[in-house]
C-alpha atoms as a PDB file:
ATOM      1  CA  MET A   1      -0.049  -0.036  -0.440  1.00  0.00           C
ATOM      2  CA  ARG A   2       2.514   3.350  -1.105  1.00  0.00           C
ATOM      3  CA  ASN A   3       1.512   5.980   1.357  1.00  0.00           C
ATOM      4  CA  HIS A   4       0.106   9.128  -0.107  1.00  0.00           C
ATOM      5  CA  HIS A   5       0.803  11.312   2.006  1.00  0.00           C
ATOM      6  CA  LYS A   6       3.320  14.336   1.440  1.00  0.00           C
ATOM      7  CA  LYS A   7       5.327  16.008   4.058  1.00  0.00           C
ATOM      8  CA  GLN A   8       4.296  19.555   4.905  1.00  0.00           C
ATOM      9  CA  ASN A   9       6.903  22.095   4.659  1.00  0.00           C
ATOM     10  CA  PRO A  10       7.523  24.175   7.343  1.00  0.00           C
ATOM     11  CA  PRO A  11       4.812  28.058   7.269  1.00  0.00           C
ATOM     12  CA  ASN A  12       6.073  30.299   5.405  1.00  0.00           C
ATOM     13  CA  GLN A  13       5.431  33.831   4.753  1.00  0.00           C
ATOM     14  CA  VAL A  14       4.650  34.332   0.659  1.00  0.00           C
ATOM     15  CA  ALA A  15       1.013  34.477   1.255  1.00  0.00           C
ATOM     16  CA  SER A  16       0.754  37.053   3.425  1.00  0.00           C
ATOM     17  CA  ILE A  17       4.116  38.931   2.028  1.00  0.00           C
ATOM     18  CA  ARG A  18       2.534  38.408  -1.934  1.00  0.00           C
ATOM     19  CA  LYS A  19      -0.649  40.118  -0.324  1.00  0.00           C
ATOM     20  CA  LEU A  20       0.858  42.598   1.542  1.00  0.00           C
ATOM     21  CA  ARG A  21       2.779  43.583  -1.490  1.00  0.00           C
ATOM     22  CA  GLY A  22      -0.407  43.922  -3.095  1.00  0.00           C
ATOM     23  CA  PHE A  23      -0.301  41.006  -6.508  1.00  0.00           C
ATOM     24  CA  ASN A  24      -2.591  38.414  -6.757  1.00  0.00           C
ATOM     25  CA  ARG A  25      -2.546  34.807  -7.136  1.00  0.00           C
ATOM     26  CA  LYS A  26      -3.277  35.463 -10.261  1.00  0.00           C
ATOM     27  CA  LYS A  27      -1.312  38.281 -10.529  1.00  0.00           C
ATOM     28  CA  ALA A  28       2.364  36.813  -9.392  1.00  0.00           C
ATOM     29  CA  ALA A  29       1.806  33.436 -11.866  1.00  0.00           C
ATOM     30  CA  SER A  30       1.471  36.189 -15.190  1.00  0.00           C
ATOM     31  CA  LEU A  31       4.582  36.957 -14.037  1.00  0.00           C
ATOM     32  CA  PHE A  32       6.821  33.528 -13.579  1.00  0.00           C
ATOM     33  CA  GLY A  33       5.440  32.196 -17.109  1.00  0.00           C
ATOM     34  CA  HIS A  34       2.001  30.299 -15.549  1.00  0.00           C
ATOM     35  CA  GLU A  35      -1.614  29.803 -16.877  1.00  0.00           C
ATOM     36  CA  THR A  36      -2.710  28.854 -14.110  1.00  0.00           C
ATOM     37  CA  THR A  37      -2.326  29.799  -9.243  1.00  0.00           C
ATOM     38  CA  VAL A  38      -1.649  25.882  -8.855  1.00  0.00           C
ATOM     39  CA  SER A  39       2.420  26.194  -8.871  1.00  0.00           C
ATOM     40  CA  ILE A  40       1.851  29.330  -6.950  1.00  0.00           C
ATOM     41  CA  GLY A  41      -0.791  27.873  -3.805  1.00  0.00           C
ATOM     42  CA  TYR A  42       1.537  24.748  -3.429  1.00  0.00           C
ATOM     43  CA  TRP A  43       4.386  27.259  -3.063  1.00  0.00           C
ATOM     44  CA  GLU A  44       1.878  29.224  -0.078  1.00  0.00           C
ATOM     45  CA  THR A  45       0.475  25.739   1.859  1.00  0.00           C
ATOM     46  CA  GLY A  46       3.848  24.481   1.858  1.00  0.00           C
ATOM     47  CA  PHE A  47       2.875  21.716  -0.147  1.00  0.00           C
ATOM     48  CA  LYS A  48       5.846  22.619  -2.024  1.00  0.00           C
ATOM     49  CA  VAL A  49       9.000  25.025  -2.438  1.00  0.00           C
ATOM     50  CA  PRO A  50      10.476  26.822  -5.248  1.00  0.00           C
ATOM     51  CA  THR A  51      12.876  25.950  -7.462  1.00  0.00           C
ATOM     52  CA  LEU A  52      16.061  28.422  -6.354  1.00  0.00           C
ATOM     53  CA  LYS A  53      15.236  30.556  -9.783  1.00  0.00           C
ATOM     54  CA  ASN A  54      11.473  31.104  -9.100  1.00  0.00           C
ATOM     55  CA  ALA A  55      12.796  30.995  -5.006  1.00  0.00           C
ATOM     56  CA  LEU A  56      15.199  34.020  -6.052  1.00  0.00           C
ATOM     57  CA  LYS A  57      12.424  35.896  -8.627  1.00  0.00           C
ATOM     58  CA  LEU A  58      10.378  35.588  -5.736  1.00  0.00           C
ATOM     59  CA  GLN A  59      12.566  37.456  -4.120  1.00  0.00           C
ATOM     60  CA  ILE A  60      12.662  40.030  -6.567  1.00  0.00           C
ATOM     61  CA  LEU A  61       8.680  40.057  -7.397  1.00  0.00           C
ATOM     62  CA  LEU A  62       8.155  40.467  -3.494  1.00  0.00           C
ATOM     63  CA  SER A  63      11.487  42.839  -2.638  1.00  0.00           C
ATOM     64  CA  THR A  64      11.551  40.519   0.662  1.00  0.00           C
ATOM     65  CA  ARG A  65      14.830  37.593   1.375  1.00  0.00           C
ATOM     66  CA  ILE A  66      14.288  34.280   0.428  1.00  0.00           C
ATOM     67  CA  ASP A  67      14.759  33.541   4.288  1.00  0.00           C
ATOM     68  CA  GLN A  68      11.642  36.040   5.361  1.00  0.00           C
ATOM     69  CA  LEU A  69       9.934  34.600   2.731  1.00  0.00           C
ATOM     70  CA  PHE A  70      10.119  30.355   4.535  1.00  0.00           C
ATOM     71  CA  PRO A  71      11.311  31.137   7.253  1.00  0.00           C
ATOM     72  CA  GLY A  72      10.835  27.724   8.482  1.00  0.00           C
ATOM     73  CA  LEU A  73      13.449  26.324   6.055  1.00  0.00           C
ATOM     74  CA  ALA A  74      15.519  28.779   7.047  1.00  0.00           C
ATOM     75  CA  ASP A  75      15.488  27.545  10.682  1.00  0.00           C
ATOM     76  CA  GLU A  76      16.067  23.761   9.611  1.00  0.00           C
ATOM     77  CA  ALA A  77      18.276  24.509   7.624  1.00  0.00           C
ATOM     78  CA  LYS A  78      20.861  25.461  10.458  1.00  0.00           C
ATOM     79  CA  ALA A  79      19.426  24.154  12.982  1.00  0.00           C
ATOM     80  CA  GLU A  80      20.677  20.753  10.202  1.00  0.00           C
ATOM     81  CA  LEU A  81      23.595  22.874  10.180  1.00  0.00           C
ATOM     82  CA  ALA A  82      24.275  23.011  13.767  1.00  0.00           C
ATOM     83  CA  ARG A  83      23.740  19.222  14.295  1.00  0.00           C
ATOM     84  CA  GLU A  84      27.139  19.276  12.099  1.00  0.00           C
ATOM     85  CA  GLY A  85      29.503  21.436  13.918  1.00  0.00           C
ATOM     86  CA  PHE A  86      28.546  25.257  12.254  1.00  0.00           C
ATOM     87  CA  ARG A  87      28.541  27.903  14.196  1.00  0.00           C
ATOM     88  CA  GLN A  88      27.424  31.540  11.962  1.00  0.00           C
ATOM     89  CA  ASP A  89      28.512  34.353  13.214  1.00  0.00           C
ATOM     90  CA  LYS A  90      27.162  37.641  12.849  1.00  0.00           C
ATOM     91  CA  GLN A  91      28.795  38.443   8.905  1.00  0.00           C
ATOM     92  CA  ASP A  92      26.846  40.536   6.988  1.00  0.00           C
ATOM     93  CA  LEU A  93      25.294  38.483   3.793  1.00  0.00           C
ATOM     94  CA  SER A  94      24.331  40.714   2.060  1.00  0.00           C
ATOM     95  CA  HIS A  95      27.342  41.433   0.844  1.00  0.00           C
ATOM     96  CA  PRO A  96      30.047  38.962  -0.562  1.00  0.00           C
ATOM     97  CA  PRO A  97      33.448  38.386   0.977  1.00  0.00           C
ATOM     98  CA  ASP A  98      36.277  40.013  -0.865  1.00  0.00           C
ATOM     99  CA  GLN A  99      38.717  38.299  -3.492  1.00  0.00           C
END
């Protein structure tokens, strides 16, 4: 017997920030080149997460960092790294390090 229940991703802020920025699902979907709002709905409900490229598009469209759009996933990523012994310093991540 197959299990049709997928793990739900952590809650995110995509819907609330999309609404705050004045976009309805249909407009957001069209800006992504989608004919329907299904993908946007999946992202907002946590049923699926967007590809990295689409997450970057969301960041640009909604003028909000990815970790603010997906705080639950960001927290999970930090926790996983911490379990492996990584400790993040307080460096500014908005600018790449000098080369």
